[in-house]
PDB file of N, CA and C in Angstrom:
ATOM      1  N   MET A   1       0.820  -1.205   0.000  1.00  0.00           N
ATOM      2  CA  MET A   1       0.000   0.000   0.000  1.00  0.00           C
ATOM      3  C   MET A   1       0.857   1.259   0.000  1.00  0.00           C
ATOM      4  N   LEU A   2       2.011   1.186   0.596  1.00  0.00           N
ATOM      5  CA  LEU A   2       2.877   2.351   0.724  1.00  0.00           C
ATOM      6  C   LEU A   2       3.610   2.690  -0.573  1.00  0.00           C
ATOM      7  N   ALA A   3       3.901   1.702  -1.376  1.00  0.00           N
ATOM      8  CA  ALA A   3       4.782   1.876  -2.527  1.00  0.00           C
ATOM      9  C   ALA A   3       4.375   3.003  -3.481  1.00  0.00           C
ATOM     10  N   PRO A   4       3.131   3.082  -3.941  1.00  0.00           N
ATOM     11  CA  PRO A   4       2.807   4.151  -4.900  1.00  0.00           C
ATOM     12  C   PRO A   4       3.028   5.557  -4.333  1.00  0.00           C
ATOM     13  N   SER A   5       2.626   5.771  -3.107  1.00  0.00           N
ATOM     14  CA  SER A   5       2.823   7.094  -2.490  1.00  0.00           C
ATOM     15  C   SER A   5       4.301   7.387  -2.275  1.00  0.00           C
ATOM     16  N   ALA A   6       5.044   6.373  -1.828  1.00  0.00           N
ATOM     17  CA  ALA A   6       6.474   6.570  -1.586  1.00  0.00           C
ATOM     18  C   ALA A   6       7.209   6.884  -2.877  1.00  0.00           C
ATOM     19  N   ARG A   7       6.852   6.197  -3.953  1.00  0.00           N
ATOM     20  CA  ARG A   7       7.500   6.460  -5.244  1.00  0.00           C
ATOM     21  C   ARG A   7       7.184   7.875  -5.738  1.00  0.00           C
ATOM     22  N   ALA A   8       5.942   8.277  -5.612  1.00  0.00           N
ATOM     23  CA  ALA A   8       5.546   9.614  -6.051  1.00  0.00           C
ATOM     24  C   ALA A   8       6.251  10.686  -5.212  1.00  0.00           C
ATOM     25  N   SER A   9       6.328  10.447  -3.921  1.00  0.00           N
ATOM     26  CA  SER A   9       7.018  11.404  -3.047  1.00  0.00           C
ATOM     27  C   SER A   9       8.494  11.494  -3.387  1.00  0.00           C
ATOM     28  N   ALA A  10       9.128  10.359  -3.648  1.00  0.00           N
ATOM     29  CA  ALA A  10      10.556  10.351  -3.978  1.00  0.00           C
ATOM     30  C   ALA A  10      10.833  11.157  -5.244  1.00  0.00           C
ATOM     31  N   LEU A  11       9.936  11.092  -6.214  1.00  0.00           N
ATOM     32  CA  LEU A  11      10.126  11.844  -7.448  1.00  0.00           C
ATOM     33  C   LEU A  11      10.019  13.351  -7.224  1.00  0.00           C
ATOM     34  N   ARG A  12       9.155  13.746  -6.314  1.00  0.00           N
ATOM     35  CA  ARG A  12       8.926  15.179  -6.084  1.00  0.00           C
ATOM     36  C   ARG A  12       9.786  15.742  -4.960  1.00  0.00           C
ATOM     37  N   GLU A  13      10.422  14.861  -4.193  1.00  0.00           N
ATOM     38  CA  GLU A  13      11.180  15.304  -3.023  1.00  0.00           C
ATOM     39  C   GLU A  13      12.252  16.359  -3.318  1.00  0.00           C
ATOM     40  N   PRO A  14      13.017  16.255  -4.410  1.00  0.00           N
ATOM     41  CA  PRO A  14      14.037  17.281  -4.657  1.00  0.00           C
ATOM     42  C   PRO A  14      13.470  18.697  -4.792  1.00  0.00           C
ATOM     43  N   PHE A  15      12.194  18.796  -5.114  1.00  0.00           N
ATOM     44  CA  PHE A  15      11.569  20.090  -5.354  1.00  0.00           C
ATOM     45  C   PHE A  15      10.655  20.528  -4.218  1.00  0.00           C
ATOM     46  N   SER A  16      10.575  19.732  -3.161  1.00  0.00           N
ATOM     47  CA  SER A  16       9.621  20.018  -2.096  1.00  0.00           C
ATOM     48  C   SER A  16      10.275  19.962  -0.716  1.00  0.00           C
ATOM     49  N   PRO A  17      10.454  21.118  -0.097  1.00  0.00           N
ATOM     50  CA  PRO A  17      10.997  21.125   1.264  1.00  0.00           C
ATOM     51  C   PRO A  17      10.115  20.327   2.236  1.00  0.00           C
ATOM     52  N   GLN A  18       8.808  20.365   2.034  1.00  0.00           N
ATOM     53  CA  GLN A  18       7.905  19.636   2.930  1.00  0.00           C
ATOM     54  C   GLN A  18       8.096  18.123   2.796  1.00  0.00           C
ATOM     55  N   LEU A  19       8.241  17.640   1.572  1.00  0.00           N
ATOM     56  CA  LEU A  19       8.474  16.206   1.391  1.00  0.00           C
ATOM     57  C   LEU A  19       9.807  15.780   1.996  1.00  0.00           C
ATOM     58  N   ARG A  20      10.825  16.630   1.902  1.00  0.00           N
ATOM     59  CA  ARG A  20      12.111  16.310   2.535  1.00  0.00           C
ATOM     60  C   ARG A  20      11.962  16.264   4.052  1.00  0.00           C
ATOM     61  N   ARG A  21      11.218  17.209   4.609  1.00  0.00           N
ATOM     62  CA  ARG A  21      10.971  17.201   6.068  1.00  0.00           C
ATOM     63  C   ARG A  21      10.181  15.957   6.467  1.00  0.00           C
ATOM     64  N   ASN A  22       9.204  15.583   5.655  1.00  0.00           N
ATOM     65  CA  ASN A  22       8.419  14.372   5.950  1.00  0.00           C
ATOM     66  C   ASN A  22       9.312  13.135   5.978  1.00  0.00           C
ATOM     67  N   ARG A  23      10.222  13.028   5.001  1.00  0.00           N
ATOM     68  CA  ARG A  23      11.115  11.871   4.951  1.00  0.00           C
ATOM     69  C   ARG A  23      12.053  11.869   6.146  1.00  0.00           C
ATOM     70  N   GLU A  24      12.596  13.036   6.481  1.00  0.00           N
ATOM     71  CA  GLU A  24      13.486  13.126   7.642  1.00  0.00           C
ATOM     72  C   GLU A  24      12.758  12.717   8.916  1.00  0.00           C
ATOM     73  N   ALA A  25      11.509  13.132   9.057  1.00  0.00           N
ATOM     74  CA  ALA A  25      10.712  12.759  10.231  1.00  0.00           C
ATOM     75  C   ALA A  25      10.440  11.254  10.247  1.00  0.00           C
ATOM     76  N   ALA A  26      10.172  10.682   9.090  1.00  0.00           N
ATOM     77  CA  ALA A  26       9.912   9.244   9.008  1.00  0.00           C
ATOM     78  C   ALA A  26      11.158   8.450   9.388  1.00  0.00           C
ATOM     79  N   VAL A  27      12.313   8.877   8.902  1.00  0.00           N
ATOM     80  CA  VAL A  27      13.564   8.191   9.252  1.00  0.00           C
ATOM     81  C   VAL A  27      13.832   8.331  10.753  1.00  0.00           C
ATOM     82  N   ALA A  28      13.571   9.497  11.305  1.00  0.00           N
ATOM     83  CA  ALA A  28      13.763   9.699  12.746  1.00  0.00           C
ATOM     84  C   ALA A  28      12.852   8.766  13.552  1.00  0.00           C
ATOM     85  N   ARG A  29      11.612   8.594  13.094  1.00  0.00           N
ATOM     86  CA  ARG A  29      10.692   7.673  13.793  1.00  0.00           C
ATOM     87  C   ARG A  29      11.195   6.238  13.731  1.00  0.00           C
ATOM     88  N   VAL A  30      11.655   5.833  12.562  1.00  0.00           N
ATOM     89  CA  VAL A  30      12.188   4.472  12.410  1.00  0.00           C
ATOM     90  C   VAL A  30      13.380   4.277  13.332  1.00  0.00           C
ATOM     91  N   ARG A  31      14.280   5.239  13.360  1.00  0.00           N
ATOM     92  CA  ARG A  31      15.468   5.131  14.225  1.00  0.00           C
ATOM     93  C   ARG A  31      15.063   5.047  15.692  1.00  0.00           C
ATOM     94  N   HIS A  32      14.082   5.833  16.078  1.00  0.00           N
ATOM     95  CA  HIS A  32      13.603   5.798  17.465  1.00  0.00           C
ATOM     96  C   HIS A  32      13.022   4.416  17.796  1.00  0.00           C
ATOM     97  N   GLU A  33      12.252   3.855  16.887  1.00  0.00           N
ATOM     98  CA  GLU A  33      11.672   2.522  17.096  1.00  0.00           C
ATOM     99  C   GLU A  33      12.772   1.463  17.181  1.00  0.00           C
ATOM    100  N   ILE A  34      13.776   1.567  16.318  1.00  0.00           N
ATOM    101  CA  ILE A  34      14.894   0.620  16.349  1.00  0.00           C
ATOM    102  C   ILE A  34      15.628   0.729  17.682  1.00  0.00           C
ATOM    103  N   GLU A  35      15.845   1.951  18.150  1.00  0.00           N
ATOM    104  CA  GLU A  35      16.529   2.137  19.438  1.00  0.00           C
ATOM    105  C   GLU A  35      15.736   1.510  20.582  1.00  0.00           C
ATOM    106  N   ALA A  36      14.418   1.582  20.522  1.00  0.00           N
ATOM    107  CA  ALA A  36      13.590   0.993  21.577  1.00  0.00           C
ATOM    108  C   ALA A  36      13.572  -0.533  21.485  1.00  0.00           C
ATOM    109  N   VAL A  37      13.366  -1.050  20.292  1.00  0.00           N
ATOM    110  CA  VAL A  37      13.231  -2.502  20.116  1.00  0.00           C
ATOM    111  C   VAL A  37      14.560  -3.219  20.351  1.00  0.00           C
ATOM    112  N   PHE A  38      15.640  -2.634  19.867  1.00  0.00           N
ATOM    113  CA  PHE A  38      16.937  -3.297  19.940  1.00  0.00           C
ATOM    114  C   PHE A  38      17.870  -2.644  20.958  1.00  0.00           C
ATOM    115  N   ALA A  39      17.332  -2.064  22.007  1.00  0.00           N
ATOM    116  CA  ALA A  39      18.154  -1.392  23.022  1.00  0.00           C
ATOM    117  C   ALA A  39      19.240  -2.296  23.597  1.00  0.00           C
ATOM    118  N   PRO A  40      18.945  -3.546  23.991  1.00  0.00           N
ATOM    119  CA  PRO A  40      20.014  -4.386  24.555  1.00  0.00           C
ATOM    120  C   PRO A  40      21.143  -4.660  23.545  1.00  0.00           C
ATOM    121  N   GLU A  41      20.770  -4.929  22.308  1.00  0.00           N
ATOM    122  CA  GLU A  41      21.776  -5.212  21.289  1.00  0.00           C
ATOM    123  C   GLU A  41      22.614  -3.965  20.985  1.00  0.00           C
ATOM    124  N   LEU A  42      21.961  -2.820  20.955  1.00  0.00           N
ATOM    125  CA  LEU A  42      22.695  -1.576  20.729  1.00  0.00           C
ATOM    126  C   LEU A  42      23.653  -1.296  21.883  1.00  0.00           C
ATOM    127  N   ALA A  43      23.249  -1.638  23.095  1.00  0.00           N
ATOM    128  CA  ALA A  43      24.121  -1.446  24.251  1.00  0.00           C
ATOM    129  C   ALA A  43      25.364  -2.330  24.144  1.00  0.00           C
ATOM    130  N   HIS A  44      25.214  -3.542  23.629  1.00  0.00           N
ATOM    131  CA  HIS A  44      26.355  -4.443  23.451  1.00  0.00           C
ATOM    132  C   HIS A  44      27.337  -3.928  22.415  1.00  0.00           C
ATOM    133  N   ALA A  45      26.879  -3.082  21.529  1.00  0.00           N
ATOM    134  CA  ALA A  45      27.738  -2.619  20.436  1.00  0.00           C
ATOM    135  C   ALA A  45      28.828  -1.673  20.910  1.00  0.00           C
ATOM    136  N   GLY A  46      28.683  -1.112  22.104  1.00  0.00           N
ATOM    137  CA  GLY A  46      29.712  -0.218  22.645  1.00  0.00           C
ATOM    138  C   GLY A  46      29.992   0.942  21.714  1.00  0.00           C
ATOM    139  N   PRO A  47      31.292   1.138  21.382  1.00  0.00           N
ATOM    140  CA  PRO A  47      31.626   2.277  20.521  1.00  0.00           C
ATOM    141  C   PRO A  47      31.080   2.144  19.100  1.00  0.00           C
ATOM    142  N   GLY A  48      30.655   0.950  18.723  1.00  0.00           N
ATOM    143  CA  GLY A  48      30.077   0.761  17.398  1.00  0.00           C
ATOM    144  C   GLY A  48      28.579   0.982  17.352  1.00  0.00           C
ATOM    145  N   ARG A  49      28.006   1.520  18.438  1.00  0.00           N
ATOM    146  CA  ARG A  49      26.548   1.697  18.539  1.00  0.00           C
ATOM    147  C   ARG A  49      25.984   2.543  17.407  1.00  0.00           C
ATOM    148  N   ALA A  50      26.594   3.679  17.146  1.00  0.00           N
ATOM    149  CA  ALA A  50      26.063   4.589  16.115  1.00  0.00           C
ATOM    150  C   ALA A  50      26.074   3.918  14.746  1.00  0.00           C
ATOM    151  N   GLN A  51      27.160   3.199  14.452  1.00  0.00           N
ATOM    152  CA  GLN A  51      27.236   2.519  13.159  1.00  0.00           C
ATOM    153  C   GLN A  51      26.202   1.396  13.068  1.00  0.00           C
ATOM    154  N   LEU A  52      26.007   0.657  14.166  1.00  0.00           N
ATOM    155  CA  LEU A  52      24.985  -0.399  14.171  1.00  0.00           C
ATOM    156  C   LEU A  52      23.599   0.200  13.966  1.00  0.00           C
ATOM    157  N   LEU A  53      23.308   1.310  14.632  1.00  0.00           N
ATOM    158  CA  LEU A  53      22.012   1.967  14.453  1.00  0.00           C
ATOM    159  C   LEU A  53      21.826   2.394  13.002  1.00  0.00           C
ATOM    160  N   ASP A  54      22.871   2.939  12.396  1.00  0.00           N
ATOM    161  CA  ASP A  54      22.784   3.309  10.978  1.00  0.00           C
ATOM    162  C   ASP A  54      22.506   2.089  10.110  1.00  0.00           C
ATOM    163  N   ALA A  55      23.230   0.997  10.363  1.00  0.00           N
ATOM    164  CA  ALA A  55      23.071  -0.218   9.557  1.00  0.00           C
ATOM    165  C   ALA A  55      21.675  -0.810   9.716  1.00  0.00           C
ATOM    166  N   LEU A  56      21.171  -0.863  10.950  1.00  0.00           N
ATOM    167  CA  LEU A  56      19.822  -1.379  11.184  1.00  0.00           C
ATOM    168  C   LEU A  56      18.777  -0.495  10.515  1.00  0.00           C
ATOM    169  N   THR A  57      19.018   0.811  10.528  1.00  0.00           N
ATOM    170  CA  THR A  57      18.089   1.740   9.892  1.00  0.00           C
ATOM    171  C   THR A  57      18.024   1.488   8.390  1.00  0.00           C
ATOM    172  N   VAL A  58      19.179   1.379   7.755  1.00  0.00           N
ATOM    173  CA  VAL A  58      19.209   1.138   6.312  1.00  0.00           C
ATOM    174  C   VAL A  58      18.569  -0.209   5.986  1.00  0.00           C
ATOM    175  N   ALA A  59      18.930  -1.241   6.753  1.00  0.00           N
ATOM    176  CA  ALA A  59      18.419  -2.592   6.477  1.00  0.00           C
ATOM    177  C   ALA A  59      16.909  -2.687   6.680  1.00  0.00           C
ATOM    178  N   GLY A  60      16.380  -1.902   7.592  1.00  0.00           N
ATOM    179  CA  GLY A  60      14.966  -2.042   7.932  1.00  0.00           C
ATOM    180  C   GLY A  60      14.026  -1.032   7.310  1.00  0.00           C
ATOM    181  N   THR A  61      14.479  -0.270   6.348  1.00  0.00           N
ATOM    182  CA  THR A  61      13.623   0.768   5.775  1.00  0.00           C
ATOM    183  C   THR A  61      12.823   0.283   4.578  1.00  0.00           C
ATOM    184  N   TRP A  62      11.860   1.098   4.211  1.00  0.00           N
ATOM    185  CA  TRP A  62      11.052   0.810   3.035  1.00  0.00           C
ATOM    186  C   TRP A  62      11.922   0.739   1.787  1.00  0.00           C
ATOM    187  N   SER A  63      12.971   1.535   1.725  1.00  0.00           N
ATOM    188  CA  SER A  63      13.844   1.521   0.550  1.00  0.00           C
ATOM    189  C   SER A  63      14.450   0.143   0.336  1.00  0.00           C
ATOM    190  N   SER A  64      14.886  -0.492   1.417  1.00  0.00           N
ATOM    191  CA  SER A  64      15.439  -1.850   1.296  1.00  0.00           C
ATOM    192  C   SER A  64      14.361  -2.821   0.843  1.00  0.00           C
ATOM    193  N   TRP A  65      13.197  -2.694   1.445  1.00  0.00           N
ATOM    194  CA  TRP A  65      12.073  -3.565   1.083  1.00  0.00           C
ATOM    195  C   TRP A  65      11.712  -3.377  -0.392  1.00  0.00           C
ATOM    196  N   SER A  66      11.638  -2.131  -0.819  1.00  0.00           N
ATOM    197  CA  SER A  66      11.291  -1.822  -2.204  1.00  0.00           C
ATOM    198  C   SER A  66      12.319  -2.400  -3.166  1.00  0.00           C
ATOM    199  N   MET A  67      13.586  -2.310  -2.823  1.00  0.00           N
ATOM    200  CA  MET A  67      14.610  -2.859  -3.701  1.00  0.00           C
ATOM    201  C   MET A  67      14.425  -4.365  -3.862  1.00  0.00           C
ATOM    202  N   MET A  68      14.176  -5.051  -2.754  1.00  0.00           N
ATOM    203  CA  MET A  68      13.997  -6.500  -2.839  1.00  0.00           C
ATOM    204  C   MET A  68      12.765  -6.872  -3.652  1.00  0.00           C
ATOM    205  N   ARG A  69      11.680  -6.148  -3.420  1.00  0.00           N
ATOM    206  CA  ARG A  69      10.413  -6.490  -4.083  1.00  0.00           C
ATOM    207  C   ARG A  69      10.372  -6.003  -5.523  1.00  0.00           C
ATOM    208  N   ASP A  70      10.732  -4.745  -5.742  1.00  0.00           N
ATOM    209  CA  ASP A  70      10.570  -4.147  -7.070  1.00  0.00           C
ATOM    210  C   ASP A  70      11.764  -4.379  -7.987  1.00  0.00           C
ATOM    211  N   SER A  71      12.953  -4.151  -7.491  1.00  0.00           N
ATOM    212  CA  SER A  71      14.145  -4.267  -8.339  1.00  0.00           C
ATOM    213  C   SER A  71      14.623  -5.700  -8.495  1.00  0.00           C
ATOM    214  N   MET A  72      14.535  -6.459  -7.412  1.00  0.00           N
ATOM    215  CA  MET A  72      15.039  -7.835  -7.446  1.00  0.00           C
ATOM    216  C   MET A  72      13.948  -8.861  -7.731  1.00  0.00           C
ATOM    217  N   GLY A  73      12.687  -8.445  -7.617  1.00  0.00           N
ATOM    218  CA  GLY A  73      11.570  -9.326  -7.926  1.00  0.00           C
ATOM    219  C   GLY A  73      11.298 -10.414  -6.901  1.00  0.00           C
ATOM    220  N   LEU A  74      11.756 -10.218  -5.659  1.00  0.00           N
ATOM    221  CA  LEU A  74      11.510 -11.218  -4.628  1.00  0.00           C
ATOM    222  C   LEU A  74      10.055 -11.181  -4.193  1.00  0.00           C
ATOM    223  N   ASP A  75       9.489 -12.344  -3.907  1.00  0.00           N
ATOM    224  CA  ASP A  75       8.135 -12.353  -3.359  1.00  0.00           C
ATOM    225  C   ASP A  75       8.202 -11.981  -1.878  1.00  0.00           C
ATOM    226  N   VAL A  76       7.047 -11.815  -1.256  1.00  0.00           N
ATOM    227  CA  VAL A  76       6.997 -11.334   0.122  1.00  0.00           C
ATOM    228  C   VAL A  76       7.781 -12.249   1.062  1.00  0.00           C
ATOM    229  N   ASP A  77       7.589 -13.544   0.945  1.00  0.00           N
ATOM    230  CA  ASP A  77       8.280 -14.470   1.843  1.00  0.00           C
ATOM    231  C   ASP A  77       9.799 -14.395   1.674  1.00  0.00           C
ATOM    232  N   ALA A  78      10.254 -14.325   0.437  1.00  0.00           N
ATOM    233  CA  ALA A  78      11.698 -14.244   0.187  1.00  0.00           C
ATOM    234  C   ALA A  78      12.269 -12.928   0.703  1.00  0.00           C
ATOM    235  N   ALA A  79      11.560 -11.825   0.462  1.00  0.00           N
ATOM    236  CA  ALA A  79      12.029 -10.521   0.948  1.00  0.00           C
ATOM    237  C   ALA A  79      12.050 -10.490   2.472  1.00  0.00           C
ATOM    238  N   ARG A  80      11.040 -11.065   3.090  1.00  0.00           N
ATOM    239  CA  ARG A  80      10.991 -11.122   4.555  1.00  0.00           C
ATOM    240  C   ARG A  80      12.180 -11.932   5.090  1.00  0.00           C
ATOM    241  N   ALA A  81      12.499 -13.035   4.433  1.00  0.00           N
ATOM    242  CA  ALA A  81      13.629 -13.868   4.859  1.00  0.00           C
ATOM    243  C   ALA A  81      14.954 -13.126   4.718  1.00  0.00           C
ATOM    244  N   VAL A  82      15.116 -12.395   3.633  1.00  0.00           N
ATOM    245  CA  VAL A  82      16.343 -11.618   3.440  1.00  0.00           C
ATOM    246  C   VAL A  82      16.444 -10.537   4.505  1.00  0.00           C
ATOM    247  N   MET A  83      15.346  -9.853   4.784  1.00  0.00           N
ATOM    248  CA  MET A  83      15.373  -8.805   5.796  1.00  0.00           C
ATOM    249  C   MET A  83      15.710  -9.385   7.169  1.00  0.00           C
ATOM    250  N   ALA A  84      15.120 -10.520   7.495  1.00  0.00           N
ATOM    251  CA  ALA A  84      15.419 -11.162   8.781  1.00  0.00           C
ATOM    252  C   ALA A  84      16.890 -11.550   8.848  1.00  0.00           C
ATOM    253  N   ARG A  85      17.423 -12.033   7.739  1.00  0.00           N
ATOM    254  CA  ARG A  85      18.836 -12.410   7.728  1.00  0.00           C
ATOM    255  C   ARG A  85      19.737 -11.196   7.906  1.00  0.00           C
ATOM    256  N   MET A  86      19.413 -10.092   7.223  1.00  0.00           N
ATOM    257  CA  MET A  86      20.216  -8.868   7.356  1.00  0.00           C
ATOM    258  C   MET A  86      20.211  -8.375   8.792  1.00  0.00           C
ATOM    259  N   LEU A  87      19.019  -8.225   9.341  1.00  0.00           N
ATOM    260  CA  LEU A  87      18.909  -7.705  10.699  1.00  0.00           C
ATOM    261  C   LEU A  87      19.550  -8.655  11.696  1.00  0.00           C
ATOM    262  N   GLY A  88      19.300  -9.950  11.519  1.00  0.00           N
ATOM    263  CA  GLY A  88      19.886 -10.939  12.414  1.00  0.00           C
ATOM    264  C   GLY A  88      21.404 -10.915  12.383  1.00  0.00           C
ATOM    265  N   ALA A  89      21.976 -10.827  11.195  1.00  0.00           N
ATOM    266  CA  ALA A  89      23.437 -10.802  11.071  1.00  0.00           C
ATOM    267  C   ALA A  89      24.018  -9.567  11.764  1.00  0.00           C
ATOM    268  N   LEU A  90      23.369  -8.438  11.596  1.00  0.00           N
ATOM    269  CA  LEU A  90      23.842  -7.218  12.248  1.00  0.00           C
ATOM    270  C   LEU A  90      23.783  -7.343  13.768  1.00  0.00           C
ATOM    271  N   LEU A  91      22.687  -7.915  14.278  1.00  0.00           N
ATOM    272  CA  LEU A  91      22.524  -8.039  15.720  1.00  0.00           C
ATOM    273  C   LEU A  91      23.483  -9.078  16.311  1.00  0.00           C
ATOM    274  N   VAL A  92      23.659 -10.199  15.638  1.00  0.00           N
ATOM    275  CA  VAL A  92      24.602 -11.216  16.121  1.00  0.00           C
ATOM    276  C   VAL A  92      26.016 -10.629  16.173  1.00  0.00           C
ATOM    277  N   ASP A  93      26.385  -9.874  15.153  1.00  0.00           N
ATOM    278  CA  ASP A  93      27.692  -9.252  15.143  1.00  0.00           C
ATOM    279  C   ASP A  93      27.856  -8.289  16.320  1.00  0.00           C
ATOM    280  N   ALA A  94      26.800  -7.543  16.623  1.00  0.00           N
ATOM    281  CA  ALA A  94      26.874  -6.600  17.746  1.00  0.00           C
ATOM    282  C   ALA A  94      27.027  -7.329  19.078  1.00  0.00           C
ATOM    283  N   ILE A  95      26.294  -8.423  19.237  1.00  0.00           N
ATOM    284  CA  ILE A  95      26.389  -9.202  20.469  1.00  0.00           C
ATOM    285  C   ILE A  95      27.783  -9.809  20.586  1.00  0.00           C
ATOM    286  N   ALA A  96      28.296 -10.358  19.478  1.00  0.00           N
ATOM    287  CA  ALA A  96      29.632 -10.953  19.485  1.00  0.00           C
ATOM    288  C   ALA A  96      30.689  -9.897  19.823  1.00  0.00           C
ATOM    289  N   ALA A  97      30.526  -8.705  19.305  1.00  0.00           N
ATOM    290  CA  ALA A  97      31.496  -7.631  19.592  1.00  0.00           C
ATOM    291  C   ALA A  97      31.496  -7.310  21.076  1.00  0.00           C
ATOM    292  N   GLY A  98      30.330  -7.385  21.711  1.00  0.00           N
ATOM    293  CA  GLY A  98      30.254  -7.126  23.139  1.00  0.00           C
ATOM    294  C   GLY A  98      30.897  -8.214  23.977  1.00  0.00           C
ATOM    295  N   LEU A  99      31.046  -9.410  23.426  1.00  0.00           N
ATOM    296  CA  LEU A  99      31.655 -10.527  24.139  1.00  0.00           C
ATOM    297  C   LEU A  99      33.169 -10.595  23.944  1.00  0.00           C
ATOM    298  N   ARG A 100      33.680  -9.848  22.985  1.00  0.00           N
ATOM    299  CA  ARG A 100      35.133  -9.888  22.694  1.00  0.00           C
ATOM    300  C   ARG A 100      35.922  -9.162  23.747  1.00  0.00           C
TER     301      ARG A 100
END
């Protein structure tokens, strides 16, 4: 449901300060949700926390989902599996870094 609106917004974003503000607010909300959901894993990341938050943000955004579905042609189950693998790999790495 989001894809048509997101694509239209992306096309007009360079010309619209409001659309840029909307996107910035959406990314901020996603980052806030990631910080809440993955707080323990982010804490394990230590000095790599900011980079892990950036990586989780990129991996978990609509842009990543859109690339898998639209550009790569993955079906929902395959895209969901790839996303779970990306996020899982990032989190396992963060936990392992905290144990080193």
